[in-house]
Structures are given as C-alpha cells and as structure tokens.
Amino acid sequence: MDEDDLDPREAERVRRRDREARAAERELMRSGMGKVFKQIQDVQRKVADELPDERPRNPKRIRP
C-alpha cells in the first residue's frame, strides 16, 4: 500500500511522521553534536573503567 491509496488525512499523517523522523536524524548531525557524542563516550568509558576487574570463574576447569 503506498501513499496514493490512503485517505488524504492519513496520507498527511504519514508525511508528517516521516518529516519528523528525518528532522530527528538531522538534529544529530548538527554542528557541535560530535562533542556531545564524545562526552557521552567518555562518561561511559569512565564508568566501565571503574567496574571491578573480575573474570567470571569457569567451574568446569580442572585445577592440577
């Protein structure tokens, strides 16, 4: 079913939804958003580095 088969009100609703979705994608490409993305990654790295460095034990491993 394409847009031509829809009721005019429904077709407009679909166009508006698509336009809003494209706007959200473009928002992420704004200048300065790279810096925000880097800040998020830095915080995630810091949290990951603060986690305890414990490996899960392998209960099936036979120790000599």
PDB file of N, CA and C in Angstrom:
ATOM      1  N   MET A   1       0.858  -1.177   0.000  1.00  0.00           N
ATOM      2  CA  MET A   1       0.000   0.000   0.000  1.00  0.00           C
ATOM      3  C   MET A   1       0.901   1.236   0.000  1.00  0.00           C
ATOM      4  N   ASP A   2       0.703   2.106  -0.970  1.00  0.00           N
ATOM      5  CA  ASP A   2       1.508   3.323  -0.983  1.00  0.00           C
ATOM      6  C   ASP A   2       0.649   4.515  -0.568  1.00  0.00           C
ATOM      7  N   GLU A   3       1.276   5.663  -0.550  1.00  0.00           N
ATOM      8  CA  GLU A   3       0.620   6.871  -0.038  1.00  0.00           C
ATOM      9  C   GLU A   3      -0.605   7.277  -0.861  1.00  0.00           C
ATOM     10  N   ASP A   4      -0.625   6.917  -2.151  1.00  0.00           N
ATOM     11  CA  ASP A   4      -1.749   7.292  -3.020  1.00  0.00           C
ATOM     12  C   ASP A   4      -3.032   6.547  -2.654  1.00  0.00           C
ATOM     13  N   ASP A   5      -2.904   5.399  -2.028  1.00  0.00           N
ATOM     14  CA  ASP A   5      -4.068   4.591  -1.673  1.00  0.00           C
ATOM     15  C   ASP A   5      -4.713   5.019  -0.359  1.00  0.00           C
ATOM     16  N   LEU A   6      -4.067   5.920   0.368  1.00  0.00           N
ATOM     17  CA  LEU A   6      -4.551   6.314   1.688  1.00  0.00           C
ATOM     18  C   LEU A   6      -5.547   7.466   1.612  1.00  0.00           C
ATOM     19  N   ASP A   7      -6.344   7.550   2.647  1.00  0.00           N
ATOM     20  CA  ASP A   7      -7.226   8.686   2.849  1.00  0.00           C
ATOM     21  C   ASP A   7      -6.341   9.943   2.945  1.00  0.00           C
ATOM     22  N   PRO A   8      -6.759  11.079   2.413  1.00  0.00           N
ATOM     23  CA  PRO A   8      -5.906  12.282   2.439  1.00  0.00           C
ATOM     24  C   PRO A   8      -5.422  12.659   3.848  1.00  0.00           C
ATOM     25  N   ARG A   9      -6.277  12.485   4.843  1.00  0.00           N
ATOM     26  CA  ARG A   9      -5.848  12.803   6.220  1.00  0.00           C
ATOM     27  C   ARG A   9      -4.767  11.843   6.688  1.00  0.00           C
ATOM     28  N   GLU A  10      -4.943  10.565   6.355  1.00  0.00           N
ATOM     29  CA  GLU A  10      -3.946   9.564   6.742  1.00  0.00           C
ATOM     30  C   GLU A  10      -2.639   9.787   5.988  1.00  0.00           C
ATOM     31  N   ALA A  11      -2.726  10.144   4.715  1.00  0.00           N
ATOM     32  CA  ALA A  11      -1.524  10.419   3.928  1.00  0.00           C
ATOM     33  C   ALA A  11      -0.749  11.590   4.532  1.00  0.00           C
ATOM     34  N   GLU A  12      -1.440  12.615   4.959  1.00  0.00           N
ATOM     35  CA  GLU A  12      -0.780  13.762   5.592  1.00  0.00           C
ATOM     36  C   GLU A  12      -0.138  13.343   6.908  1.00  0.00           C
ATOM     37  N   ARG A  13      -0.806  12.494   7.646  1.00  0.00           N
ATOM     38  CA  ARG A  13      -0.254  11.984   8.911  1.00  0.00           C
ATOM     39  C   ARG A  13       1.052  11.222   8.657  1.00  0.00           C
ATOM     40  N   VAL A  14       1.083  10.415   7.594  1.00  0.00           N
ATOM     41  CA  VAL A  14       2.282   9.654   7.239  1.00  0.00           C
ATOM     42  C   VAL A  14       3.404  10.610   6.829  1.00  0.00           C
ATOM     43  N   ARG A  15       3.076  11.618   6.014  1.00  0.00           N
ATOM     44  CA  ARG A  15       4.101  12.589   5.596  1.00  0.00           C
ATOM     45  C   ARG A  15       4.667  13.340   6.794  1.00  0.00           C
ATOM     46  N   ARG A  16       3.798  13.726   7.722  1.00  0.00           N
ATOM     47  CA  ARG A  16       4.246  14.449   8.922  1.00  0.00           C
ATOM     48  C   ARG A  16       5.153  13.554   9.769  1.00  0.00           C
ATOM     49  N   ARG A  17       4.759  12.283   9.941  1.00  0.00           N
ATOM     50  CA  ARG A  17       5.581  11.339  10.707  1.00  0.00           C
ATOM     51  C   ARG A  17       6.960  11.177  10.070  1.00  0.00           C
ATOM     52  N   ASP A  18       6.990  11.029   8.738  1.00  0.00           N
ATOM     53  CA  ASP A  18       8.262  10.861   8.037  1.00  0.00           C
ATOM     54  C   ASP A  18       9.124  12.118   8.149  1.00  0.00           C
ATOM     55  N   ARG A  19       8.486  13.285   8.026  1.00  0.00           N
ATOM     56  CA  ARG A  19       9.225  14.547   8.125  1.00  0.00           C
ATOM     57  C   ARG A  19       9.818  14.715   9.522  1.00  0.00           C
ATOM     58  N   GLU A  20       9.055  14.352  10.556  1.00  0.00           N
ATOM     59  CA  GLU A  20       9.547  14.456  11.929  1.00  0.00           C
ATOM     60  C   GLU A  20      10.679  13.471  12.181  1.00  0.00           C
ATOM     61  N   ALA A  21      10.603  12.286  11.585  1.00  0.00           N
ATOM     62  CA  ALA A  21      11.671  11.293  11.747  1.00  0.00           C
ATOM     63  C   ALA A  21      12.955  11.792  11.090  1.00  0.00           C
ATOM     64  N   ARG A  22      12.837  12.380   9.914  1.00  0.00           N
ATOM     65  CA  ARG A  22      14.025  12.917   9.242  1.00  0.00           C
ATOM     66  C   ARG A  22      14.607  14.091  10.021  1.00  0.00           C
ATOM     67  N   ALA A  23      13.759  14.897  10.644  1.00  0.00           N
ATOM     68  CA  ALA A  23      14.232  16.027  11.439  1.00  0.00           C
ATOM     69  C   ALA A  23      15.032  15.536  12.637  1.00  0.00           C
ATOM     70  N   ALA A  24      14.590  14.463  13.260  1.00  0.00           N
ATOM     71  CA  ALA A  24      15.315  13.906  14.405  1.00  0.00           C
ATOM     72  C   ALA A  24      16.686  13.404  13.967  1.00  0.00           C
ATOM     73  N   GLU A  25      16.772  12.788  12.793  1.00  0.00           N
ATOM     74  CA  GLU A  25      18.060  12.324  12.279  1.00  0.00           C
ATOM     75  C   GLU A  25      18.984  13.507  11.991  1.00  0.00           C
ATOM     76  N   ARG A  26      18.434  14.563  11.391  1.00  0.00           N
ATOM     77  CA  ARG A  26      19.245  15.744  11.076  1.00  0.00           C
ATOM     78  C   ARG A  26      19.735  16.439  12.335  1.00  0.00           C
ATOM     79  N   GLU A  27      18.932  16.400  13.390  1.00  0.00           N
ATOM     80  CA  GLU A  27      19.296  17.032  14.648  1.00  0.00           C
ATOM     81  C   GLU A  27      20.602  16.459  15.183  1.00  0.00           C
ATOM     82  N   LEU A  28      20.789  15.154  14.999  1.00  0.00           N
ATOM     83  CA  LEU A  28      22.014  14.515  15.468  1.00  0.00           C
ATOM     84  C   LEU A  28      23.235  14.930  14.651  1.00  0.00           C
ATOM     85  N   MET A  29      23.023  15.452  13.463  1.00  0.00           N
ATOM     86  CA  MET A  29      24.130  15.852  12.602  1.00  0.00           C
ATOM     87  C   MET A  29      24.483  17.330  12.741  1.00  0.00           C
ATOM     88  N   ARG A  30      23.780  18.026  13.616  1.00  0.00           N
ATOM     89  CA  ARG A  30      24.068  19.444  13.837  1.00  0.00           C
ATOM     90  C   ARG A  30      25.508  19.643  14.258  1.00  0.00           C
ATOM     91  N   SER A  31      26.048  20.802  13.971  1.00  0.00           N
ATOM     92  CA  SER A  31      27.406  21.091  14.407  1.00  0.00           C
ATOM     93  C   SER A  31      27.427  21.134  15.925  1.00  0.00           C
ATOM     94  N   GLY A  32      28.459  20.563  16.505  1.00  0.00           N
ATOM     95  CA  GLY A  32      28.573  20.506  17.953  1.00  0.00           C
ATOM     96  C   GLY A  32      28.080  19.201  18.541  1.00  0.00           C
ATOM     97  N   MET A  33      27.324  18.428  17.787  1.00  0.00           N
ATOM     98  CA  MET A  33      26.813  17.172  18.322  1.00  0.00           C
ATOM     99  C   MET A  33      27.916  16.125  18.439  1.00  0.00           C
ATOM    100  N   GLY A  34      28.983  16.270  17.655  1.00  0.00           N
ATOM    101  CA  GLY A  34      30.124  15.365  17.784  1.00  0.00           C
ATOM    102  C   GLY A  34      30.740  15.485  19.170  1.00  0.00           C
ATOM    103  N   LYS A  35      30.797  16.709  19.666  1.00  0.00           N
ATOM    104  CA  LYS A  35      31.351  16.947  21.006  1.00  0.00           C
ATOM    105  C   LYS A  35      30.471  16.273  22.060  1.00  0.00           C
ATOM    106  N   VAL A  36      29.170  16.382  21.907  1.00  0.00           N
ATOM    107  CA  VAL A  36      28.237  15.756  22.847  1.00  0.00           C
ATOM    108  C   VAL A  36      28.415  14.241  22.812  1.00  0.00           C
ATOM    109  N   PHE A  37      28.529  13.693  21.614  1.00  0.00           N
ATOM    110  CA  PHE A  37      28.720  12.254  21.463  1.00  0.00           C
ATOM    111  C   PHE A  37      30.009  11.820  22.157  1.00  0.00           C
ATOM    112  N   LYS A  38      31.081  12.584  21.977  1.00  0.00           N
ATOM    113  CA  LYS A  38      32.367  12.280  22.611  1.00  0.00           C
ATOM    114  C   LYS A  38      32.240  12.338  24.131  1.00  0.00           C
ATOM    115  N   GLN A  39      31.513  13.316  24.651  1.00  0.00           N
ATOM    116  CA  GLN A  39      31.326  13.422  26.098  1.00  0.00           C
ATOM    117  C   GLN A  39      30.589  12.206  26.641  1.00  0.00           C
ATOM    118  N   ILE A  40      29.586  11.734  25.917  1.00  0.00           N
ATOM    119  CA  ILE A  40      28.838  10.547  26.338  1.00  0.00           C
ATOM    120  C   ILE A  40      29.766   9.338  26.355  1.00  0.00           C
ATOM    121  N   GLN A  41      30.571   9.187  25.313  1.00  0.00           N
ATOM    122  CA  GLN A  41      31.503   8.061  25.263  1.00  0.00           C
ATOM    123  C   GLN A  41      32.521   8.138  26.396  1.00  0.00           C
ATOM    124  N   ASP A  42      33.004   9.332  26.701  1.00  0.00           N
ATOM    125  CA  ASP A  42      33.972   9.495  27.788  1.00  0.00           C
ATOM    126  C   ASP A  42      33.387   9.073  29.125  1.00  0.00           C
ATOM    127  N   VAL A  43      32.141   9.438  29.382  1.00  0.00           N
ATOM    128  CA  VAL A  43      31.485   9.055  30.638  1.00  0.00           C
ATOM    129  C   VAL A  43      31.299   7.540  30.684  1.00  0.00           C
ATOM    130  N   GLN A  44      30.886   6.949  29.573  1.00  0.00           N
ATOM    131  CA  GLN A  44      30.710   5.502  29.539  1.00  0.00           C
ATOM    132  C   GLN A  44      32.035   4.787  29.784  1.00  0.00           C
ATOM    133  N   ARG A  45      33.116   5.286  29.204  1.00  0.00           N
ATOM    134  CA  ARG A  45      34.445   4.697  29.407  1.00  0.00           C
ATOM    135  C   ARG A  45      34.853   4.806  30.872  1.00  0.00           C
ATOM    136  N   LYS A  46      34.603   5.968  31.483  1.00  0.00           N
ATOM    137  CA  LYS A  46      34.968   6.173  32.888  1.00  0.00           C
ATOM    138  C   LYS A  46      34.222   5.186  33.786  1.00  0.00           C
ATOM    139  N   VAL A  47      32.930   5.006  33.535  1.00  0.00           N
ATOM    140  CA  VAL A  47      32.133   4.065  34.324  1.00  0.00           C
ATOM    141  C   VAL A  47      32.654   2.640  34.116  1.00  0.00           C
ATOM    142  N   ALA A  48      32.968   2.286  32.889  1.00  0.00           N
ATOM    143  CA  ALA A  48      33.476   0.942  32.604  1.00  0.00           C
ATOM    144  C   ALA A  48      34.821   0.712  33.281  1.00  0.00           C
ATOM    145  N   ASP A  49      35.668   1.713  33.302  1.00  0.00           N
ATOM    146  CA  ASP A  49      36.977   1.590  33.941  1.00  0.00           C
ATOM    147  C   ASP A  49      36.860   1.442  35.451  1.00  0.00           C
ATOM    148  N   GLU A  50      35.797   1.945  36.041  1.00  0.00           N
ATOM    149  CA  GLU A  50      35.620   1.869  37.487  1.00  0.00           C
ATOM    150  C   GLU A  50      35.006   0.553  37.949  1.00  0.00           C
ATOM    151  N   LEU A  51      34.524  -0.247  37.014  1.00  0.00           N
ATOM    152  CA  LEU A  51      33.959  -1.552  37.378  1.00  0.00           C
ATOM    153  C   LEU A  51      35.075  -2.471  37.860  1.00  0.00           C
ATOM    154  N   PRO A  52      34.769  -3.362  38.796  1.00  0.00           N
ATOM    155  CA  PRO A  52      35.800  -4.298  39.259  1.00  0.00           C
ATOM    156  C   PRO A  52      36.272  -5.186  38.118  1.00  0.00           C
ATOM    157  N   ASP A  53      37.563  -5.465  38.108  1.00  0.00           N
ATOM    158  CA  ASP A  53      38.143  -6.258  37.030  1.00  0.00           C
ATOM    159  C   ASP A  53      38.198  -7.722  37.456  1.00  0.00           C
ATOM    160  N   GLU A  54      37.051  -8.353  37.549  1.00  0.00           N
ATOM    161  CA  GLU A  54      36.972  -9.753  37.932  1.00  0.00           C
ATOM    162  C   GLU A  54      36.470 -10.562  36.752  1.00  0.00           C
ATOM    163  N   ARG A  55      37.173 -11.628  36.502  1.00  0.00           N
ATOM    164  CA  ARG A  55      36.729 -12.526  35.441  1.00  0.00           C
ATOM    165  C   ARG A  55      35.789 -13.560  36.046  1.00  0.00           C
ATOM    166  N   PRO A  56      34.782 -13.942  35.331  1.00  0.00           N
ATOM    167  CA  PRO A  56      33.895 -14.988  35.855  1.00  0.00           C
ATOM    168  C   PRO A  56      34.664 -16.312  35.939  1.00  0.00           C
ATOM    169  N   ARG A  57      34.411 -17.019  36.979  1.00  0.00           N
ATOM    170  CA  ARG A  57      35.095 -18.304  37.170  1.00  0.00           C
ATOM    171  C   ARG A  57      34.480 -19.357  36.265  1.00  0.00           C
ATOM    172  N   ASN A  58      35.333 -20.253  35.807  1.00  0.00           N
ATOM    173  CA  ASN A  58      34.868 -21.371  34.998  1.00  0.00           C
ATOM    174  C   ASN A  58      34.808 -22.588  35.912  1.00  0.00           C
ATOM    175  N   PRO A  59      33.620 -22.980  36.365  1.00  0.00           N
ATOM    176  CA  PRO A  59      33.522 -24.074  37.327  1.00  0.00           C
ATOM    177  C   PRO A  59      33.936 -25.435  36.755  1.00  0.00           C
ATOM    178  N   LYS A  60      33.988 -25.578  35.448  1.00  0.00           N
ATOM    179  CA  LYS A  60      34.335 -26.856  34.827  1.00  0.00           C
ATOM    180  C   LYS A  60      35.848 -27.024  34.660  1.00  0.00           C
ATOM    181  N   ARG A  61      36.593 -25.974  34.898  1.00  0.00           N
ATOM    182  CA  ARG A  61      38.041 -26.020  34.732  1.00  0.00           C
ATOM    183  C   ARG A  61      38.645 -26.863  35.858  1.00  0.00           C
ATOM    184  N   ILE A  62      39.483 -27.793  35.471  1.00  0.00           N
ATOM    185  CA  ILE A  62      40.111 -28.666  36.451  1.00  0.00           C
ATOM    186  C   ILE A  62      41.474 -28.080  36.782  1.00  0.00           C
ATOM    187  N   ARG A  63      41.676 -27.839  38.073  1.00  0.00           N
ATOM    188  CA  ARG A  63      42.959 -27.289  38.508  1.00  0.00           C
ATOM    189  C   ARG A  63      43.866 -28.437  38.970  1.00  0.00           C
ATOM    190  N   PRO A  64      45.122 -28.424  38.554  1.00  0.00           N
ATOM    191  CA  PRO A  64      46.041 -29.515  38.961  1.00  0.00           C
ATOM    192  C   PRO A  64      46.448 -29.416  40.411  1.00  0.00           C
TER     193      PRO A  64
END
